[in-house]
Amino acid sequence: QLQLVESGGGLVQPGGSLRLSCTASGFTLDHVAVGWFRQAPGKEREGVSCISPSGDSTDYGDSVKGRFTISRDNAKNTVYLQMNSLKPEDTAVYSCAAEPGVISGCRNWPHEYRYWGQGTQVTVSS
């Protein structure tokens, strides 16, 4: 059974940092593009970042550029999202998604991904 599990969410003060993890089971992340998305209450799902299967290509949403960094460790079957300088407006449920069979590159659009995790809550508040 193909499954993605996110972890690392929680409550953090403004200016703080969190690292989210997305671990796959039932399949390997080789040849799989992975994206991180977030959705706040009353708002549409937003593309945060994505990474190509080899890790040589990444993309970021404008609101997180310079603050968030995506990376992957295929040996651990895990993709990470390092979030620094967090702001209250970063508060949302963060989900990772995977699209197998990608040759290169990645896209930061939800409809490009077939497999999704359940999400992890990130709350930025003092």
Foldseek 3Di string as FASTA:
>chain_A
DWAKAKDWADEAAAQAKIKMKIAIPPDFLAQKKKWKWWDDPPDDIFTAKIAGNVRPEMDGDPVQPPFWDWGDDRVRRMIMIIGGRDDQVVWTWMKMFMDHNHPTDDDRDVVRGDHIHPTDTHGYHD
